[in-house]
Amino acid sequence: MSQAASQQLTPTGKLLAMLNLNRAVASAHEHVFEAVTLTKESPRIFGGQVLAQAIMAAYQTVEGKNLHSLHGYFLRPGDVDRDLSYGVERLNDARSFATRRVQAYQGGQPIFSCITSFQSVSAGPSHSSTMPENLPDPESLPAAADLLGHLQVPVAQKVAFGRPFDVRHISDPVYIAPAPEQVPTNMVWFKTFDSLPDNPIIHQAALAYASDYTQLEPVLRQHSKTWLEPDMKVASLDHAMWFHRPARADEWLLLVQESPSAQDARGLSVGRIFTRDGVHVATVAQEAMIRLPEYRDR
């Protein structure tokens, strides 16, 4: 896609274009797909993008089964201006389950590697978590554009107007100011700004994309830090996701997060995702590196 054509797309349109992978010449052991990066908040590729594109690549090699889990590692920073491709290796095809390894490549080097597992529809016992009660409606909360749109800073403008998802914090966001209370929790409503096609695969991939936005925030809240903390360095290390039930990413979803531990310049966050009517649809976990200047000499 040309730069001029991509500039005509809405942020959600760019998301859909990024999820449209093109099949390339296969290698000896991998199916290969080419991808593009259209959302460029920073020089590094957003982790949620590679999660979503890895899902789209894996699905092109599986028939009759649905993705139920993904476990991945971010190996190297991705460059938003370099060519990006995905290789999918068939690890297992059984009657009920199928397993694929997916790797994202730039310059011949893997920047992300994950295992994805798929399952055919099966009957079995069922239970789920309960969504918190008495929460404010998402429509009553400020959007990122309301909070950051007045700041004439490139990164603030990109967060305010360039993201495909409308993310609304239930507690005060930590974009530019620390949380009023030191608690290792966070809750946000989120959905795409525009409607998505009915294809459930696209909604799973979009859900994975959005799951990477606020995973570090419970850690930041507990330690009175903001996304603009001077000299702070952060990087996602790994990401795991379990898909329990179908959900639309273009309808309001609630992400309830907590950080059970932070140590050795790493913070762990676990989140549960619910539909607006309380159905638990997915669980996500991520560990991230967080380096702060006050610990540099320790």
Protein backbone atom coordinates (compact mmCIF):
# COMPACT_ATOMS: atom_id res chain seq x y z
CA MET A 1 0.00 0.00 0.00
CA SER A 2 1.34 3.42 -0.96
CA GLN A 3 1.92 6.09 1.69
CA ALA A 4 -0.67 8.33 0.03
CA ALA A 5 -3.29 5.56 0.11
CA SER A 6 -2.59 4.73 3.75
CA GLN A 7 -2.99 8.38 4.76
CA GLN A 8 -6.58 8.29 3.48
CA LEU A 9 -7.51 5.51 5.91
CA THR A 10 -9.04 6.05 9.34
CA PRO A 11 -7.08 4.55 12.27
CA THR A 12 -9.45 1.56 12.26
CA GLY A 13 -9.00 1.29 8.49
CA LYS A 14 -5.25 1.12 9.05
CA LEU A 15 -5.77 -1.68 11.57
CA LEU A 16 -7.77 -3.68 9.02
CA ALA A 17 -5.12 -3.07 6.37
CA MET A 18 -2.42 -4.33 8.74
CA LEU A 19 -4.46 -7.48 9.38
CA ASN A 20 -4.59 -8.20 5.65
CA LEU A 21 -1.44 -10.28 5.20
CA ASN A 22 -0.19 -11.33 1.77
CA ARG A 23 1.06 -14.84 1.11
CA ALA A 24 4.69 -14.95 -0.04
CA VAL A 25 6.99 -17.73 -1.27
CA ALA A 26 7.17 -20.45 1.38
CA SER A 27 10.47 -21.60 2.82
CA ALA A 28 11.44 -25.23 3.38
CA HIS A 29 9.62 -25.40 6.73
CA GLU A 30 7.42 -22.28 6.96
CA HIS A 31 4.46 -20.69 5.26
CA VAL A 32 5.49 -17.06 4.72
CA PHE A 33 3.31 -13.93 4.78
CA GLU A 34 4.16 -10.29 4.18
CA ALA A 35 2.73 -7.52 6.39
CA VAL A 36 2.78 -3.74 6.66
CA THR A 37 3.09 -1.26 9.52
CA LEU A 38 0.77 1.73 9.17
CA THR A 39 0.35 2.93 12.77
CA LYS A 40 3.62 4.54 13.86
CA GLU A 41 3.49 6.07 17.33
CA SER A 42 7.22 5.52 17.85
CA PRO A 43 10.20 4.15 15.87
CA ARG A 44 9.44 0.71 17.36
CA ILE A 45 6.63 -1.52 16.12
CA PHE A 46 3.79 -1.68 18.65
CA GLY A 47 3.73 -5.09 20.33
CA GLY A 48 -0.02 -5.47 19.84
CA GLN A 49 0.51 -5.22 16.08
CA VAL A 50 2.78 -8.26 15.91
CA LEU A 51 0.42 -10.21 18.19
CA ALA A 52 -2.51 -9.47 15.88
CA GLN A 53 -0.61 -10.16 12.67
CA ALA A 54 0.80 -13.41 14.06
CA ILE A 55 -2.76 -14.56 14.73
CA MET A 56 -3.83 -13.69 11.17
CA ALA A 57 -0.84 -15.58 9.75
CA ALA A 58 -1.44 -18.69 11.87
CA TYR A 59 -5.13 -18.84 10.93
CA GLN A 60 -4.20 -19.08 7.23
CA THR A 61 -2.68 -22.51 7.90
CA VAL A 62 -5.52 -23.97 10.04
CA GLU A 63 -8.96 -25.24 9.03
CA GLY A 64 -12.00 -26.00 11.18
CA LYS A 65 -10.48 -24.91 14.49
CA ASN A 66 -10.47 -21.73 16.58
CA LEU A 67 -7.56 -20.06 18.34
CA HIS A 68 -7.74 -20.60 22.10
CA SER A 69 -4.28 -19.52 23.28
CA LEU A 70 -1.12 -17.68 22.29
CA HIS A 71 2.21 -17.58 24.14
CA GLY A 72 4.85 -15.28 22.71
CA TYR A 73 8.18 -13.55 23.33
CA PHE A 74 9.35 -10.20 22.01
CA LEU A 75 12.93 -10.90 20.93
CA ARG A 76 14.11 -7.67 19.31
CA PRO A 77 12.67 -4.19 18.77
CA GLY A 78 10.79 -3.97 15.47
CA ASP A 79 11.44 -1.04 13.13
CA VAL A 80 8.27 0.65 11.79
CA ASP A 81 10.04 1.58 8.53
CA ARG A 82 11.45 -1.85 7.58
CA ASP A 83 9.85 -4.74 5.71
CA LEU A 84 8.00 -7.19 7.96
CA SER A 85 7.14 -10.84 7.34
CA TYR A 86 5.75 -13.81 9.27
CA GLY A 87 6.71 -17.46 9.07
CA VAL A 88 4.28 -20.14 10.24
CA GLU A 89 5.49 -23.66 11.03
CA ARG A 90 3.07 -26.56 11.47
CA LEU A 91 3.98 -28.25 14.74
CA ASN A 92 0.96 -30.50 15.19
CA ASP A 93 -2.39 -31.36 13.59
CA ALA A 94 -4.55 -33.62 15.72
CA ARG A 95 -8.26 -34.40 15.71
CA SER A 96 -9.19 -31.72 18.25
CA PHE A 97 -6.12 -29.48 18.43
CA ALA A 98 -3.61 -27.87 16.08
CA THR A 99 -0.40 -26.08 17.05
CA ARG A 100 1.61 -23.53 15.08
CA ARG A 101 4.81 -21.65 15.72
CA VAL A 102 4.74 -18.12 14.29
CA GLN A 103 7.75 -15.84 13.98
CA ALA A 104 7.91 -12.23 12.83
CA TYR A 105 11.03 -11.36 10.82
CA GLN A 106 12.88 -8.21 9.86
CA GLY A 107 16.18 -8.29 8.02
CA GLY A 108 16.29 -12.07 8.29
CA GLN A 109 16.16 -11.99 12.10
CA PRO A 110 13.18 -12.98 14.28
CA ILE A 111 11.80 -10.07 16.30
CA PHE A 112 8.90 -12.03 17.84
CA SER A 113 8.19 -15.72 18.32
CA CYS A 114 5.04 -17.40 19.60
CA ILE A 115 3.18 -20.68 19.84
CA THR A 116 -0.50 -20.63 18.94
CA SER A 117 -2.96 -23.40 19.76
CA PHE A 118 -6.28 -24.06 18.00
CA GLN A 119 -9.17 -26.32 18.99
CA SER A 120 -12.31 -27.61 17.32
CA VAL A 121 -15.60 -26.87 19.08
CA SER A 122 -15.97 -29.23 22.07
CA ALA A 123 -18.46 -29.77 24.90
CA GLY A 124 -17.31 -29.67 28.52
CA PRO A 125 -17.70 -28.06 31.96
CA SER A 126 -18.04 -24.29 32.03
CA HIS A 127 -17.54 -21.49 34.57
CA SER A 128 -16.06 -17.99 34.49
CA SER A 129 -15.00 -14.95 36.50
CA THR A 130 -17.47 -12.27 37.52
CA MET A 131 -17.13 -8.73 36.21
CA PRO A 132 -16.81 -5.92 38.79
CA GLU A 133 -20.08 -4.13 39.51
CA ASN A 134 -21.19 -0.49 39.65
CA LEU A 135 -18.72 0.76 37.08
CA PRO A 136 -19.22 3.98 35.13
CA ASP A 137 -20.48 3.61 31.58
CA PRO A 138 -17.75 4.11 28.98
CA GLU A 139 -19.68 6.95 27.36
CA SER A 140 -19.41 8.94 30.60
CA LEU A 141 -15.60 8.78 30.66
CA PRO A 142 -13.14 10.97 28.75
CA ALA A 143 -11.44 9.61 25.64
CA ALA A 144 -7.71 10.01 24.97
CA ALA A 145 -8.50 12.90 22.64
CA ASP A 146 -10.23 14.73 25.51
CA LEU A 147 -7.22 14.26 27.76
CA LEU A 148 -4.33 14.70 25.35
CA GLY A 149 -5.70 16.41 22.24
CA HIS A 150 -4.72 19.88 23.45
CA LEU A 151 -1.06 18.94 23.92
CA GLN A 152 0.94 19.94 20.84
CA VAL A 153 3.43 17.12 21.31
CA PRO A 154 3.77 14.52 18.52
CA VAL A 155 3.38 11.43 20.72
CA ALA A 156 0.37 12.95 22.53
CA GLN A 157 -1.28 13.73 19.19
CA LYS A 158 -0.69 10.18 17.96
CA VAL A 159 -2.18 8.64 21.11
CA ALA A 160 -5.10 11.07 21.00
CA PHE A 161 -6.00 10.74 17.32
CA GLY A 162 -3.94 7.97 15.68
CA ARG A 163 -4.98 4.82 17.53
CA PRO A 164 -7.67 2.49 16.12
CA PHE A 165 -9.10 1.89 19.61
CA ASP A 166 -11.06 4.19 21.88
CA VAL A 167 -9.60 3.49 25.35
CA ARG A 168 -11.32 5.02 28.38
CA HIS A 169 -9.85 4.74 31.88
CA ILE A 170 -12.13 4.13 34.85
CA SER A 171 -9.50 5.51 37.25
CA ASP A 172 -7.50 8.62 36.41
CA PRO A 173 -5.14 7.71 33.54
CA VAL A 174 -1.38 7.92 34.04
CA TYR A 175 -0.53 9.50 30.71
CA ILE A 176 1.07 12.60 32.29
CA ALA A 177 0.34 12.48 36.06
CA PRO A 178 0.77 9.70 38.66
CA ALA A 179 -2.27 7.88 39.98
CA PRO A 180 -3.79 9.42 43.13
CA GLU A 181 -3.44 6.09 44.96
CA GLN A 182 -0.62 3.56 44.89
CA VAL A 183 -2.52 0.42 43.94
CA PRO A 184 -1.41 -2.27 41.45
CA THR A 185 -4.69 -2.30 39.54
CA ASN A 186 -6.19 -0.71 36.44
CA MET A 187 -9.48 -0.88 34.53
CA VAL A 188 -10.32 0.43 31.06
CA TRP A 189 -13.18 0.22 28.59
CA PHE A 190 -12.10 -0.18 24.97
CA LYS A 191 -13.41 -0.76 21.44
CA THR A 192 -12.47 0.17 17.89
CA PHE A 193 -13.66 3.58 16.73
CA ASP A 194 -15.21 2.14 13.56
CA SER A 195 -17.16 -1.05 12.94
CA LEU A 196 -15.26 -4.18 11.96
CA PRO A 197 -16.28 -6.95 9.54
CA ASP A 198 -18.21 -9.85 11.05
CA ASN A 199 -15.26 -12.24 10.59
CA PRO A 200 -14.55 -13.58 14.14
CA ILE A 201 -10.86 -14.04 13.28
CA ILE A 202 -10.49 -10.29 12.78
CA HIS A 203 -12.12 -9.66 16.16
CA GLN A 204 -9.72 -12.06 17.90
CA ALA A 205 -6.74 -10.38 16.26
CA ALA A 206 -8.07 -6.92 17.12
CA LEU A 207 -8.59 -8.00 20.72
CA ALA A 208 -4.94 -9.11 20.88
CA TYR A 209 -3.87 -5.79 19.36
CA ALA A 210 -5.65 -3.79 22.06
CA SER A 211 -4.50 -6.08 24.89
CA ASP A 212 -1.01 -4.55 24.75
CA TYR A 213 -2.03 -0.91 25.31
CA THR A 214 -2.27 -0.76 29.11
CA GLN A 215 -0.59 -3.93 30.38
CA LEU A 216 2.13 -1.99 32.21
CA GLU A 217 -0.22 0.48 33.88
CA PRO A 218 -0.89 -1.52 37.09
CA VAL A 219 2.88 -1.44 37.72
CA LEU A 220 3.10 2.28 37.00
CA ARG A 221 0.17 2.99 39.32
CA GLN A 222 1.67 1.02 42.22
CA HIS A 223 4.94 2.98 41.98
CA SER A 224 3.53 6.46 41.22
CA LYS A 225 4.96 6.58 37.71
CA THR A 226 3.58 7.95 34.44
CA TRP A 227 4.12 7.11 30.78
CA LEU A 228 6.19 10.32 30.54
CA GLU A 229 8.52 9.43 33.43
CA PRO A 230 11.94 10.99 32.66
CA ASP A 231 14.59 8.44 31.63
CA MET A 232 12.26 5.47 32.16
CA LYS A 233 12.84 2.60 29.76
CA VAL A 234 10.14 -0.01 29.20
CA ALA A 235 9.82 -2.96 26.84
CA SER A 236 7.39 -5.87 26.66
CA LEU A 237 9.19 -9.18 27.23
CA ASP A 238 6.44 -11.75 26.72
CA HIS A 239 2.70 -11.93 26.19
CA ALA A 240 0.19 -14.70 26.76
CA MET A 241 -3.48 -14.70 25.88
CA TRP A 242 -6.33 -17.16 26.31
CA PHE A 243 -9.53 -16.76 24.30
CA HIS A 244 -12.47 -18.19 26.24
CA ARG A 245 -15.57 -17.02 24.38
CA PRO A 246 -16.35 -15.00 21.22
CA ALA A 247 -16.43 -11.21 21.46
CA ARG A 248 -16.67 -8.25 19.13
CA ALA A 249 -13.80 -5.79 19.36
CA ASP A 250 -16.00 -3.01 17.94
CA GLU A 251 -18.31 -3.13 20.97
CA TRP A 252 -17.34 -1.94 24.45
CA LEU A 253 -15.17 -4.40 26.39
CA LEU A 254 -13.82 -4.08 29.92
CA LEU A 255 -10.20 -4.92 30.78
CA VAL A 256 -9.61 -5.53 34.51
CA GLN A 257 -5.89 -5.65 35.37
CA GLU A 258 -3.67 -6.27 38.36
CA SER A 259 0.06 -6.63 38.92
CA PRO A 260 0.81 -9.44 41.39
CA SER A 261 4.58 -8.79 41.39
CA ALA A 262 7.40 -6.53 40.24
CA GLN A 263 11.08 -7.30 40.83
CA ASP A 264 14.49 -7.28 39.10
CA ALA A 265 13.40 -4.45 36.75
CA ARG A 266 10.44 -6.55 35.56
CA GLY A 267 6.73 -6.13 36.21
CA LEU A 268 4.00 -8.73 35.70
CA SER A 269 0.42 -7.82 34.80
CA VAL A 270 -2.62 -10.09 34.44
CA GLY A 271 -5.91 -8.97 32.94
CA ARG A 272 -9.42 -10.31 32.37
CA ILE A 273 -11.57 -9.06 29.51
CA PHE A 274 -15.37 -8.90 29.77
CA THR A 275 -18.17 -7.92 27.43
CA ARG A 276 -20.36 -5.06 28.57
CA ASP A 277 -22.98 -7.53 29.82
CA GLY A 278 -20.42 -9.38 31.96
CA VAL A 279 -19.25 -12.34 29.87
CA HIS A 280 -15.60 -13.25 30.53
CA VAL A 281 -14.16 -13.57 27.01
CA ALA A 282 -10.37 -13.57 27.40
CA THR A 283 -7.45 -13.49 29.84
CA VAL A 284 -4.09 -11.84 29.16
CA ALA A 285 -0.74 -11.82 30.96
CA GLN A 286 2.43 -9.93 30.20
CA GLU A 287 5.80 -9.32 31.81
CA ALA A 288 7.63 -6.13 30.87
CA MET A 289 11.04 -4.65 31.56
CA ILE A 290 10.84 -1.38 33.48
CA ARG A 291 14.11 0.43 34.16
CA LEU A 292 13.99 3.57 36.31
CA PRO A 293 16.86 6.01 36.82
CA GLU A 294 16.72 5.85 40.63
CA TYR A 295 17.71 2.15 40.50
CA ARG A 296 20.44 2.50 37.90
CA ASP A 297 23.38 2.25 40.34
CA ARG A 298 21.92 -0.50 42.51
